[in-house]
Amino acid sequence: MLRRFLLSGFFSAALALPAMAQCDTRFMLVNRSGVQVNEFYFGPSSDSNWGVDRLGQNVLPAGRQVMFDTGRPGAHDFRIVWANGQNAQVMRVNICATSEIAATPRGIEAR
């Protein structure tokens, strides 16, 4: 009886684990700054290297948006560079709780 109870508890916990572990790593980059975004970088907060410009050969005009996927849960850092050369960063964003990264006149915000 005790064995059946322990196995039942184990399987219940194992079935609940995937539901708790789910994380949507997609987010929308939205340009509300009024200035064109020329470069966009993001990566895990544990990595000090920004890597490649995620916009590539493209830019993000004011008022436009584009979807990205970090591909992994956890804390991420984000950096944008506007057409005028100014840049902004937001660090240690929990991507599981964030669906939008917004370029604004005041900088960059995670929402």
N, C-alpha and C. Protein backbone atom coordinates (compact mmCIF):
# COMPACT_ATOMS: atom_id res chain seq x y z
N MET A 1 0.82 -1.19 0.00
CA MET A 1 0.00 0.00 0.00
C MET A 1 0.87 1.26 0.00
N LEU A 2 1.87 1.29 0.88
CA LEU A 2 2.76 2.44 0.92
C LEU A 2 3.49 2.61 -0.40
N ARG A 3 3.91 1.49 -0.97
CA ARG A 3 4.62 1.53 -2.26
C ARG A 3 3.74 2.14 -3.35
N ARG A 4 2.48 1.71 -3.40
CA ARG A 4 1.54 2.24 -4.40
C ARG A 4 1.35 3.74 -4.20
N PHE A 5 1.23 4.19 -2.96
CA PHE A 5 1.07 5.60 -2.64
C PHE A 5 2.30 6.39 -3.09
N LEU A 6 3.51 5.89 -2.82
CA LEU A 6 4.73 6.57 -3.23
C LEU A 6 4.85 6.66 -4.74
N LEU A 7 4.54 5.54 -5.44
CA LEU A 7 4.58 5.55 -6.90
C LEU A 7 3.55 6.51 -7.47
N SER A 8 2.38 6.55 -6.89
CA SER A 8 1.33 7.45 -7.34
C SER A 8 1.79 8.91 -7.20
N GLY A 9 2.39 9.23 -6.06
CA GLY A 9 2.91 10.58 -5.85
C GLY A 9 4.01 10.93 -6.82
N PHE A 10 4.88 9.97 -7.10
CA PHE A 10 5.98 10.20 -8.06
C PHE A 10 5.44 10.50 -9.44
N PHE A 11 4.47 9.69 -9.91
CA PHE A 11 3.93 9.90 -11.24
C PHE A 11 3.12 11.19 -11.34
N SER A 12 2.42 11.55 -10.29
CA SER A 12 1.69 12.82 -10.28
C SER A 12 2.65 13.99 -10.40
N ALA A 13 3.74 13.93 -9.67
CA ALA A 13 4.74 15.00 -9.73
C ALA A 13 5.40 15.03 -11.10
N ALA A 14 5.67 13.87 -11.68
CA ALA A 14 6.31 13.81 -12.99
C ALA A 14 5.40 14.38 -14.07
N LEU A 15 4.10 14.16 -13.96
CA LEU A 15 3.16 14.71 -14.94
C LEU A 15 3.01 16.21 -14.78
N ALA A 16 3.12 16.74 -13.59
CA ALA A 16 2.98 18.18 -13.35
C ALA A 16 4.23 18.93 -13.77
N LEU A 17 5.37 18.28 -13.78
CA LEU A 17 6.63 18.95 -14.09
C LEU A 17 6.64 19.63 -15.45
N PRO A 18 6.22 18.98 -16.55
CA PRO A 18 6.24 19.68 -17.83
C PRO A 18 5.39 20.93 -17.85
N ALA A 19 4.25 20.93 -17.16
CA ALA A 19 3.40 22.12 -17.13
C ALA A 19 4.10 23.27 -16.43
N MET A 20 4.84 22.99 -15.37
CA MET A 20 5.54 24.04 -14.65
C MET A 20 6.77 24.51 -15.43
N ALA A 21 7.36 23.62 -16.21
CA ALA A 21 8.60 23.94 -16.90
C ALA A 21 8.38 24.67 -18.23
N GLN A 22 7.14 24.79 -18.67
CA GLN A 22 6.87 25.43 -19.95
C GLN A 22 7.22 26.91 -19.90
N CYS A 23 7.80 27.38 -20.99
CA CYS A 23 8.18 28.78 -21.08
C CYS A 23 8.11 29.19 -22.54
N ASP A 24 7.37 30.23 -22.83
CA ASP A 24 7.32 30.77 -24.18
C ASP A 24 8.48 31.74 -24.33
N THR A 25 9.45 31.38 -25.15
CA THR A 25 10.66 32.20 -25.30
C THR A 25 10.56 33.18 -26.46
N ARG A 26 9.38 33.29 -27.04
CA ARG A 26 9.17 34.26 -28.12
C ARG A 26 8.84 35.63 -27.54
N PHE A 27 9.24 36.67 -28.27
CA PHE A 27 8.90 38.03 -27.86
C PHE A 27 8.84 38.92 -29.09
N MET A 28 8.14 40.03 -28.94
CA MET A 28 8.02 41.01 -30.02
C MET A 28 8.92 42.20 -29.70
N LEU A 29 9.77 42.58 -30.65
CA LEU A 29 10.53 43.82 -30.55
C LEU A 29 9.69 44.90 -31.22
N VAL A 30 9.32 45.92 -30.46
CA VAL A 30 8.44 46.99 -30.95
C VAL A 30 9.21 48.30 -30.88
N ASN A 31 9.20 49.04 -31.98
CA ASN A 31 9.90 50.31 -32.02
C ASN A 31 8.92 51.47 -31.82
N ARG A 32 8.85 51.96 -30.59
CA ARG A 32 8.01 53.11 -30.24
C ARG A 32 8.86 54.34 -29.98
N SER A 33 10.09 54.32 -30.43
CA SER A 33 11.03 55.39 -30.09
C SER A 33 10.92 56.62 -30.98
N GLY A 34 10.34 56.47 -32.16
CA GLY A 34 10.31 57.58 -33.11
C GLY A 34 11.57 57.67 -33.95
N VAL A 35 12.54 56.79 -33.70
CA VAL A 35 13.82 56.76 -34.43
C VAL A 35 14.04 55.33 -34.92
N GLN A 36 14.59 55.19 -36.09
CA GLN A 36 14.88 53.87 -36.64
C GLN A 36 15.89 53.10 -35.77
N VAL A 37 15.62 51.82 -35.53
CA VAL A 37 16.57 50.94 -34.84
C VAL A 37 17.42 50.26 -35.90
N ASN A 38 18.75 50.46 -35.83
CA ASN A 38 19.65 49.87 -36.82
C ASN A 38 20.20 48.51 -36.40
N GLU A 39 20.35 48.30 -35.07
CA GLU A 39 20.93 47.06 -34.58
C GLU A 39 20.17 46.59 -33.35
N PHE A 40 20.11 45.26 -33.20
CA PHE A 40 19.44 44.66 -32.04
C PHE A 40 20.21 43.41 -31.64
N TYR A 41 20.54 43.33 -30.36
CA TYR A 41 21.30 42.21 -29.83
C TYR A 41 20.57 41.65 -28.61
N PHE A 42 20.65 40.34 -28.44
CA PHE A 42 20.18 39.72 -27.20
C PHE A 42 20.88 38.39 -27.00
N GLY A 43 20.93 37.99 -25.75
CA GLY A 43 21.52 36.71 -25.40
C GLY A 43 21.35 36.43 -23.92
N PRO A 44 21.68 35.22 -23.51
CA PRO A 44 21.57 34.87 -22.10
C PRO A 44 22.42 35.80 -21.24
N SER A 45 21.91 36.16 -20.08
CA SER A 45 22.66 37.05 -19.19
C SER A 45 23.98 36.45 -18.75
N SER A 46 24.08 35.14 -18.79
CA SER A 46 25.32 34.46 -18.40
C SER A 46 26.42 34.61 -19.45
N ASP A 47 26.09 35.11 -20.63
CA ASP A 47 27.07 35.28 -21.72
C ASP A 47 27.41 36.76 -21.85
N SER A 48 28.68 37.12 -21.69
CA SER A 48 29.08 38.53 -21.74
C SER A 48 29.26 39.04 -23.18
N ASN A 49 29.16 38.17 -24.16
CA ASN A 49 29.32 38.55 -25.56
C ASN A 49 27.95 38.82 -26.19
N TRP A 50 27.77 39.97 -26.83
CA TRP A 50 26.49 40.30 -27.45
C TRP A 50 26.23 39.46 -28.69
N GLY A 51 27.25 38.96 -29.34
CA GLY A 51 27.04 38.16 -30.54
C GLY A 51 26.70 39.00 -31.74
N VAL A 52 25.91 38.44 -32.64
CA VAL A 52 25.60 39.09 -33.91
C VAL A 52 24.37 39.99 -33.79
N ASP A 53 24.30 40.97 -34.68
CA ASP A 53 23.14 41.84 -34.80
C ASP A 53 21.97 40.99 -35.28
N ARG A 54 20.91 40.88 -34.49
CA ARG A 54 19.78 40.02 -34.83
C ARG A 54 18.92 40.58 -35.97
N LEU A 55 19.07 41.87 -36.27
CA LEU A 55 18.36 42.42 -37.41
C LEU A 55 19.09 42.11 -38.72
N GLY A 56 20.36 41.75 -38.61
CA GLY A 56 21.14 41.43 -39.81
C GLY A 56 21.26 42.61 -40.74
N GLN A 57 20.91 42.42 -41.98
CA GLN A 57 20.96 43.49 -42.98
C GLN A 57 19.73 44.41 -42.91
N ASN A 58 18.78 44.07 -42.06
CA ASN A 58 17.54 44.84 -41.95
C ASN A 58 17.65 45.91 -40.87
N VAL A 59 16.68 46.80 -40.84
CA VAL A 59 16.52 47.80 -39.79
C VAL A 59 15.07 47.71 -39.33
N LEU A 60 14.77 48.36 -38.20
CA LEU A 60 13.40 48.39 -37.71
C LEU A 60 12.93 49.84 -37.66
N PRO A 61 12.17 50.27 -38.66
CA PRO A 61 11.69 51.65 -38.68
C PRO A 61 10.79 51.96 -37.49
N ALA A 62 10.68 53.22 -37.15
CA ALA A 62 9.78 53.67 -36.08
C ALA A 62 8.37 53.19 -36.39
N GLY A 63 7.68 52.70 -35.35
CA GLY A 63 6.31 52.24 -35.51
C GLY A 63 6.17 50.81 -35.97
N ARG A 64 7.24 50.13 -36.24
CA ARG A 64 7.19 48.74 -36.73
C ARG A 64 7.57 47.77 -35.62
N GLN A 65 7.34 46.49 -35.87
CA GLN A 65 7.65 45.45 -34.90
C GLN A 65 8.09 44.18 -35.62
N VAL A 66 8.79 43.32 -34.89
CA VAL A 66 9.26 42.06 -35.45
C VAL A 66 9.34 41.03 -34.32
N MET A 67 9.04 39.78 -34.64
CA MET A 67 9.04 38.70 -33.66
C MET A 67 10.39 37.99 -33.63
N PHE A 68 10.83 37.63 -32.41
CA PHE A 68 12.07 36.88 -32.21
C PHE A 68 11.79 35.74 -31.23
N ASP A 69 12.72 34.81 -31.15
CA ASP A 69 12.64 33.71 -30.20
C ASP A 69 14.04 33.50 -29.63
N THR A 70 14.17 33.59 -28.31
CA THR A 70 15.49 33.38 -27.70
C THR A 70 15.90 31.92 -27.78
N GLY A 71 14.93 31.03 -27.85
CA GLY A 71 15.22 29.61 -27.95
C GLY A 71 15.57 28.95 -26.63
N ARG A 72 15.66 29.72 -25.57
CA ARG A 72 15.96 29.14 -24.26
C ARG A 72 15.42 30.03 -23.16
N PRO A 73 14.90 29.41 -22.09
CA PRO A 73 14.35 30.18 -20.98
C PRO A 73 15.45 30.80 -20.13
N GLY A 74 15.03 31.62 -19.18
CA GLY A 74 15.97 32.22 -18.25
C GLY A 74 16.15 33.70 -18.47
N ALA A 75 17.15 34.26 -17.79
CA ALA A 75 17.45 35.70 -17.86
C ALA A 75 18.21 36.03 -19.14
N HIS A 76 17.80 37.09 -19.81
CA HIS A 76 18.44 37.55 -21.04
C HIS A 76 18.71 39.04 -20.97
N ASP A 77 19.73 39.47 -21.72
CA ASP A 77 20.09 40.88 -21.85
C ASP A 77 19.75 41.33 -23.27
N PHE A 78 19.32 42.59 -23.41
CA PHE A 78 18.92 43.14 -24.70
C PHE A 78 19.60 44.48 -24.93
N ARG A 79 19.97 44.73 -26.18
CA ARG A 79 20.64 45.99 -26.53
C ARG A 79 20.15 46.44 -27.91
N ILE A 80 19.82 47.72 -28.02
CA ILE A 80 19.46 48.30 -29.31
C ILE A 80 20.40 49.45 -29.62
N VAL A 81 20.59 49.69 -30.92
CA VAL A 81 21.38 50.83 -31.40
C VAL A 81 20.51 51.55 -32.43
N TRP A 82 20.24 52.82 -32.16
CA TRP A 82 19.43 53.62 -33.08
C TRP A 82 20.27 54.16 -34.23
N ALA A 83 19.58 54.70 -35.24
CA ALA A 83 20.23 55.25 -36.43
C ALA A 83 21.16 56.41 -36.09
N ASN A 84 20.88 57.12 -35.00
CA ASN A 84 21.73 58.25 -34.61
C ASN A 84 22.95 57.81 -33.79
N GLY A 85 23.13 56.49 -33.61
CA GLY A 85 24.30 55.97 -32.90
C GLY A 85 24.10 55.76 -31.41
N GLN A 86 23.04 56.33 -30.85
CA GLN A 86 22.78 56.12 -29.42
C GLN A 86 22.33 54.68 -29.20
N ASN A 87 22.57 54.18 -27.99
CA ASN A 87 22.17 52.81 -27.69
C ASN A 87 21.59 52.73 -26.29
N ALA A 88 20.91 51.62 -26.03
CA ALA A 88 20.32 51.37 -24.71
C ALA A 88 20.32 49.86 -24.46
N GLN A 89 20.33 49.53 -23.17
CA GLN A 89 20.34 48.13 -22.77
C GLN A 89 19.35 47.91 -21.64
N VAL A 90 18.84 46.70 -21.58
CA VAL A 90 18.08 46.24 -20.42
C VAL A 90 18.62 44.85 -20.11
N MET A 91 18.91 44.63 -18.83
CA MET A 91 19.62 43.42 -18.43
C MET A 91 18.75 42.53 -17.53
N ARG A 92 19.09 41.25 -17.55
CA ARG A 92 18.50 40.23 -16.68
C ARG A 92 16.97 40.19 -16.76
N VAL A 93 16.46 40.12 -17.97
CA VAL A 93 15.02 40.04 -18.21
C VAL A 93 14.61 38.57 -18.22
N ASN A 94 13.64 38.21 -17.40
CA ASN A 94 13.12 36.85 -17.40
C ASN A 94 12.26 36.68 -18.65
N ILE A 95 12.77 35.99 -19.64
CA ILE A 95 12.06 35.87 -20.92
C ILE A 95 10.76 35.09 -20.76
N CYS A 96 10.65 34.24 -19.75
CA CYS A 96 9.41 33.48 -19.52
C CYS A 96 8.26 34.39 -19.08
N ALA A 97 8.57 35.56 -18.57
CA ALA A 97 7.56 36.50 -18.09
C ALA A 97 7.47 37.74 -18.97
N THR A 98 8.12 37.71 -20.13
CA THR A 98 8.18 38.88 -21.01
C THR A 98 7.70 38.51 -22.41
N SER A 99 6.84 39.34 -22.97
CA SER A 99 6.37 39.08 -24.33
C SER A 99 6.73 40.22 -25.28
N GLU A 100 7.28 41.31 -24.71
CA GLU A 100 7.59 42.46 -25.56
C GLU A 100 8.84 43.18 -25.05
N ILE A 101 9.72 43.51 -25.98
CA ILE A 101 10.84 44.40 -25.74
C ILE A 101 10.55 45.64 -26.56
N ALA A 102 10.48 46.79 -25.90
CA ALA A 102 10.06 48.02 -26.59
C ALA A 102 11.17 49.06 -26.58
N ALA A 103 11.48 49.57 -27.76
CA ALA A 103 12.36 50.73 -27.90
C ALA A 103 11.47 51.94 -27.72
N THR A 104 11.81 52.80 -26.76
CA THR A 104 11.00 53.98 -26.45
C THR A 104 11.90 55.22 -26.49
N PRO A 105 11.33 56.42 -26.44
CA PRO A 105 12.15 57.63 -26.39
C PRO A 105 13.06 57.68 -25.15
N ARG A 106 12.70 56.93 -24.11
CA ARG A 106 13.49 56.91 -22.87
C ARG A 106 14.50 55.77 -22.82
N GLY A 107 14.47 54.86 -23.79
CA GLY A 107 15.41 53.73 -23.79
C GLY A 107 14.74 52.46 -24.25
N ILE A 108 15.00 51.39 -23.52
CA ILE A 108 14.46 50.08 -23.87
C ILE A 108 13.78 49.49 -22.64
N GLU A 109 12.60 48.91 -22.85
CA GLU A 109 11.81 48.38 -21.74
C GLU A 109 11.36 46.96 -22.05
N ALA A 110 11.28 46.14 -21.01
CA ALA A 110 10.73 44.79 -21.13
C ALA A 110 9.33 44.80 -20.53
N ARG A 111 8.40 44.25 -21.27
CA ARG A 111 6.99 44.24 -20.81
C ARG A 111 6.43 42.83 -20.92
